[in-house]
């Protein structure tokens, strides 16, 4: 898996159609856009502490970076953007940091509601909301309803999300339906499970990006991203720019996705 850096892609070359990874199948073809991009926004805390600042300063700067990336997506051919904001494991962090993150989420919803609605962005949330503060849950539901008709970009924010937790919740719900006689065991297939996940009305991601240099997937969309392409960049999330995203998108366009098949078929 290629690692990318700010302003350049490691191991990549410039071709007639822009940035490529060297494994192009047809140098004359135009890059294919990744319509659904998922991002693990990592490195906020390290960005702040490296400057001698509290970790929450990095999280606030990271929230500002989301605004730039969201605005850049439509021009890059991205129709669905899913971002990992808070995992089920993040509750292990200090109470101060967790409360600060929740406050940042609330402020983001308050400040971005009007802009997202005007710019045609539909905002949705995935994850287990039951552990979140009721006021935050109400705000989340409100902005989802307010932006429901947006069609320019579908923005999905994962809050208190964990892929294993999502699959376990889904399987418990399916098991209850089977036990109640509402669903035949033979009807439980991959399509049904996909439809019952938090992301049931979203397409699977084409490309997953993780910032900060870490090369883990961290329990993010394990079912949905089974055949996604991955890019790992050492750039910390507060420094990740629209230009960085454009470079990665250009490289993605020259990849060949076979989904278990043979090249050229």
Protein backbone atom coordinates (compact mmCIF):
# COMPACT_ATOMS: atom_id res chain seq x y z
CA UNK A 1 0.00 0.00 0.00
CA UNK A 2 1.43 3.33 -0.99
CA UNK A 3 2.14 5.98 1.57
CA UNK A 4 1.56 9.54 0.60
CA UNK A 5 3.10 12.76 1.81
CA UNK A 6 2.08 16.39 1.70
CA UNK A 7 2.44 17.69 -1.85
CA UNK A 8 3.80 14.40 -3.22
CA UNK A 9 3.02 10.72 -3.42
CA UNK A 10 5.72 8.22 -2.54
CA UNK A 11 6.46 5.83 -5.38
CA UNK A 12 4.22 7.69 -7.84
CA UNK A 13 5.01 9.18 -11.22
CA UNK A 14 3.58 11.96 -13.34
CA UNK A 15 2.00 10.81 -16.60
CA UNK A 16 -0.03 12.35 -19.39
CA UNK A 17 -3.18 12.15 -17.30
CA UNK A 18 -1.62 13.44 -14.08
CA UNK A 19 -0.37 11.59 -11.04
CA UNK A 20 -0.20 7.81 -11.30
CA UNK A 21 1.15 4.91 -9.27
CA UNK A 22 3.06 3.14 -12.01
CA UNK A 23 0.58 0.23 -12.22
CA UNK A 24 -1.64 1.85 -14.82
CA UNK A 25 -3.47 -0.42 -17.22
CA UNK A 26 -4.02 2.23 -19.92
CA UNK A 27 -2.01 5.49 -19.83
CA UNK A 28 -4.51 7.14 -22.17
CA UNK A 29 -7.59 6.58 -20.06
CA UNK A 30 -8.91 9.32 -17.84
CA UNK A 31 -8.67 8.70 -14.08
CA UNK A 32 -11.78 7.16 -12.54
CA UNK A 33 -13.05 9.16 -9.58
CA UNK A 34 -13.60 7.48 -6.23
CA UNK A 35 -17.21 8.45 -5.66
CA UNK A 36 -17.19 7.34 -2.02
CA UNK A 37 -14.15 8.32 0.03
CA UNK A 38 -13.80 7.46 3.72
CA UNK A 39 -11.21 9.19 5.90
CA UNK A 40 -9.69 8.23 9.24
CA UNK A 41 -8.82 11.71 10.50
CA UNK A 42 -5.80 10.95 12.66
CA UNK A 43 -3.09 13.11 14.19
CA UNK A 44 -4.94 16.04 15.77
CA UNK A 45 -3.46 15.48 19.21
CA UNK A 46 0.08 14.98 17.94
CA UNK A 47 -0.20 18.08 15.78
CA UNK A 48 -1.05 20.15 18.87
CA UNK A 49 1.42 18.61 21.32
CA UNK A 50 4.30 18.99 18.83
CA UNK A 51 3.63 22.73 19.07
CA UNK A 52 3.31 22.74 22.84
CA UNK A 53 -0.45 23.21 22.76
CA UNK A 54 -3.27 21.22 24.45
CA UNK A 55 -4.61 18.30 22.41
CA UNK A 56 -8.02 19.95 22.11
CA UNK A 57 -6.45 22.75 20.07
CA UNK A 58 -5.56 20.11 17.50
CA UNK A 59 -9.09 18.74 17.52
CA UNK A 60 -10.50 22.22 16.93
CA UNK A 61 -8.10 22.75 14.05
CA UNK A 62 -9.10 19.34 12.70
CA UNK A 63 -12.76 20.37 12.69
CA UNK A 64 -11.81 23.42 10.64
CA UNK A 65 -9.99 21.15 8.18
CA UNK A 66 -13.20 19.19 7.64
CA UNK A 67 -14.79 22.33 6.20
CA UNK A 68 -12.08 22.66 3.52
CA UNK A 69 -12.21 19.00 2.54
CA UNK A 70 -16.02 18.98 2.34
CA UNK A 71 -15.95 21.96 -0.01
CA UNK A 72 -13.34 20.30 -2.23
CA UNK A 73 -15.14 16.98 -2.67
CA UNK A 74 -17.73 17.80 -5.39
CA UNK A 75 -15.10 19.22 -7.74
CA UNK A 76 -13.07 16.02 -7.32
CA UNK A 77 -15.99 13.81 -8.28
CA UNK A 78 -16.63 12.67 -4.71
CA UNK A 79 -20.34 12.18 -4.01
CA UNK A 80 -20.06 10.45 -0.61
CA UNK A 81 -17.60 11.40 2.12
CA UNK A 82 -17.50 9.41 5.37
CA UNK A 83 -15.25 10.65 8.19
CA UNK A 84 -14.23 8.90 11.41
CA UNK A 85 -14.76 11.43 14.18
CA UNK A 86 -15.01 9.38 17.40
CA UNK A 87 -14.64 5.62 17.84
CA UNK A 88 -16.11 3.30 20.45
CA UNK A 89 -12.56 2.98 21.79
CA UNK A 90 -12.06 6.73 22.19
CA UNK A 91 -13.97 6.67 25.49
CA UNK A 92 -10.68 5.42 26.99
CA UNK A 93 -9.25 8.92 26.64
CA UNK A 94 -9.26 11.42 29.49
CA UNK A 95 -12.60 12.84 30.60
CA UNK A 96 -11.36 16.32 29.68
CA UNK A 97 -10.57 15.27 26.12
CA UNK A 98 -13.81 13.33 25.63
CA UNK A 99 -15.95 16.21 26.92
CA UNK A 100 -13.97 18.63 24.79
CA UNK A 101 -14.53 16.51 21.69
CA UNK A 102 -18.26 16.34 22.34
CA UNK A 103 -18.36 20.12 22.70
CA UNK A 104 -16.51 20.47 19.38
CA UNK A 105 -19.05 18.18 17.70
CA UNK A 106 -21.91 20.30 19.05
CA UNK A 107 -20.30 23.55 17.91
CA UNK A 108 -19.63 22.11 14.48
CA UNK A 109 -23.30 21.16 14.08
CA UNK A 110 -24.44 24.61 15.23
CA UNK A 111 -22.04 26.54 13.02
CA UNK A 112 -22.26 24.39 9.89
CA UNK A 113 -26.01 23.72 9.72
CA UNK A 114 -26.86 26.74 7.58
CA UNK A 115 -23.84 26.42 5.29
CA UNK A 116 -24.32 22.71 4.68
CA UNK A 117 -27.99 23.21 3.86
CA UNK A 118 -27.29 26.08 1.45
CA UNK A 119 -24.45 24.22 -0.28
CA UNK A 120 -26.53 21.10 -0.83
CA UNK A 121 -24.64 18.84 1.60
CA UNK A 122 -26.62 16.08 3.28
CA UNK A 123 -25.23 15.27 6.73
CA UNK A 124 -25.82 11.95 8.43
CA UNK A 125 -24.33 10.18 11.43
CA UNK A 126 -23.48 6.53 11.98
CA UNK A 127 -22.61 4.76 15.21
CA UNK A 128 -24.33 3.97 18.49
CA UNK A 129 -25.98 7.18 19.66
CA UNK A 130 -27.34 5.78 22.91
CA UNK A 131 -24.21 6.66 24.90
CA UNK A 132 -24.16 10.26 23.66
CA UNK A 133 -25.64 13.18 25.57
CA UNK A 134 -29.38 13.54 24.77
CA UNK A 135 -28.87 17.19 23.76
CA UNK A 136 -26.22 16.17 21.26
CA UNK A 137 -28.45 13.40 19.95
CA UNK A 138 -31.23 15.95 19.41
CA UNK A 139 -28.86 18.27 17.55
CA UNK A 140 -27.71 15.42 15.35
CA UNK A 141 -31.26 14.45 14.45
CA UNK A 142 -32.11 18.09 13.76
CA UNK A 143 -29.31 18.70 11.27
CA UNK A 144 -30.00 15.36 9.58
CA UNK A 145 -33.58 16.45 8.99
CA UNK A 146 -32.55 19.94 7.92
CA UNK A 147 -30.09 18.73 5.29
CA UNK A 148 -32.04 15.65 4.15
CA UNK A 149 -32.68 17.06 0.69
CA UNK A 150 -29.05 17.92 -0.06
CA UNK A 151 -27.82 16.19 -3.19
CA UNK A 152 -24.46 17.77 -4.00
CA UNK A 153 -22.52 15.77 -1.40
CA UNK A 154 -23.45 13.11 1.13
CA UNK A 155 -21.40 13.67 4.30
CA UNK A 156 -21.48 10.90 6.90
CA UNK A 157 -19.86 11.39 10.30
CA UNK A 158 -19.03 8.34 12.41
CA UNK A 159 -19.49 9.17 16.10
CA UNK A 160 -19.22 6.47 18.79
CA UNK A 161 -18.68 4.13 15.88
CA UNK A 162 -16.84 0.83 15.83
CA UNK A 163 -17.08 -1.65 13.00
CA UNK A 164 -17.29 -4.71 15.25
CA UNK A 165 -19.89 -3.00 17.42
CA UNK A 166 -21.92 -2.13 14.31
CA UNK A 167 -21.83 -5.72 13.06
CA UNK A 168 -22.75 -7.07 16.52
CA UNK A 169 -25.70 -4.66 16.82
CA UNK A 170 -26.87 -5.61 13.36
CA UNK A 171 -26.63 -9.35 14.00
CA UNK A 172 -28.53 -9.03 17.28
CA UNK A 173 -31.34 -7.25 15.45
CA UNK A 174 -31.40 -9.90 12.74
CA UNK A 175 -31.38 -12.68 15.35
CA UNK A 176 -34.37 -11.12 17.08
CA UNK A 177 -36.28 -11.04 13.78
CA UNK A 178 -35.42 -14.68 13.09
CA UNK A 179 -36.49 -15.70 16.61
CA UNK A 180 -39.78 -13.82 16.18
CA UNK A 181 -40.48 -15.57 12.90
CA UNK A 182 -40.21 -12.34 10.93
CA UNK A 183 -37.19 -13.50 8.96
CA UNK A 184 -36.17 -16.91 7.66
CA UNK A 185 -32.58 -17.96 8.46
CA UNK A 186 -32.06 -18.70 4.77
CA UNK A 187 -32.76 -15.04 4.00
CA UNK A 188 -29.73 -13.88 5.94
CA UNK A 189 -27.13 -13.22 3.26
CA UNK A 190 -24.49 -10.59 2.55
CA UNK A 191 -26.99 -8.26 0.89
CA UNK A 192 -29.34 -8.37 3.89
CA UNK A 193 -26.54 -7.74 6.37
CA UNK A 194 -25.25 -4.81 4.30
CA UNK A 195 -28.73 -3.31 4.17
CA UNK A 196 -29.15 -3.56 7.95
CA UNK A 197 -25.83 -1.91 8.85
CA UNK A 198 -25.66 1.77 9.86
CA UNK A 199 -24.55 2.48 6.30
CA UNK A 200 -27.41 0.56 4.71
CA UNK A 201 -28.35 3.37 2.31
CA UNK A 202 -24.76 4.23 1.35
CA UNK A 203 -22.54 2.61 -1.28
CA UNK A 204 -19.41 0.85 -0.10
CA UNK A 205 -16.34 3.13 -0.01
CA UNK A 206 -14.06 3.08 -3.02
CA UNK A 207 -11.11 4.60 -1.18
CA UNK A 208 -10.13 4.81 2.49
CA UNK A 209 -7.53 7.38 3.52
CA UNK A 210 -5.76 7.50 6.87
CA UNK A 211 -3.68 10.47 7.89
CA UNK A 212 -0.79 10.72 10.41
CA UNK A 213 1.40 7.86 9.16
CA UNK A 214 -0.38 5.07 11.02
CA UNK A 215 -1.22 2.04 8.86
CA UNK A 216 -4.07 0.55 10.88
CA UNK A 217 -7.72 0.51 9.86
CA UNK A 218 -8.79 0.94 13.51
CA UNK A 219 -12.14 -0.83 13.32
CA UNK A 220 -13.44 1.57 10.64
CA UNK A 221 -15.96 0.16 8.16
CA UNK A 222 -14.50 -3.40 8.17
CA UNK A 223 -17.49 -4.90 6.35
CA UNK A 224 -18.04 -2.05 3.91
CA UNK A 225 -14.37 -1.52 3.01
CA UNK A 226 -13.59 -5.16 2.27
CA UNK A 227 -12.67 -4.26 -1.32
CA UNK A 228 -11.77 -0.59 -0.88
CA UNK A 229 -8.42 0.83 -1.93
CA UNK A 230 -6.30 2.28 0.89
CA UNK A 231 -3.91 5.23 1.10
CA UNK A 232 -1.82 6.05 4.18
CA UNK A 233 -0.28 9.50 4.36
CA UNK A 234 2.17 10.77 7.02
CA UNK A 235 0.44 14.17 6.93
CA UNK A 236 -1.34 14.94 10.20
CA UNK A 237 -5.03 15.67 9.75
CA UNK A 238 -4.86 19.43 10.61
CA UNK A 239 -2.33 19.81 7.77
CA UNK A 240 -4.21 17.65 5.25
CA UNK A 241 -5.30 19.98 2.46
CA UNK A 242 -7.58 19.86 -0.56
CA UNK A 243 -4.43 19.61 -2.66
CA UNK A 244 -3.37 16.47 -0.78
CA UNK A 245 -6.79 14.97 -1.42
CA UNK A 246 -6.61 15.86 -5.12
CA UNK A 247 -3.22 14.15 -5.44
CA UNK A 248 -4.51 10.99 -3.81
CA UNK A 249 -7.59 11.04 -6.02
CA UNK A 250 -5.40 11.35 -9.10
CA UNK A 251 -3.37 8.34 -8.03
CA UNK A 252 -6.49 6.34 -7.28
CA UNK A 253 -7.76 6.97 -10.81
CA UNK A 254 -4.90 4.93 -12.24
CA UNK A 255 -5.45 1.89 -10.08
CA UNK A 256 -7.05 -1.25 -11.45
CA UNK A 257 -9.76 -2.69 -9.20
CA UNK A 258 -10.42 -6.35 -10.03
CA UNK A 259 -12.60 -7.43 -7.07
CA UNK A 260 -11.12 -10.93 -7.18
CA UNK A 261 -11.19 -11.17 -10.95
CA UNK A 262 -8.39 -11.22 -13.53
CA UNK A 263 -6.74 -8.14 -15.02
CA UNK A 264 -8.42 -6.96 -18.19
CA UNK A 265 -11.67 -8.86 -17.67
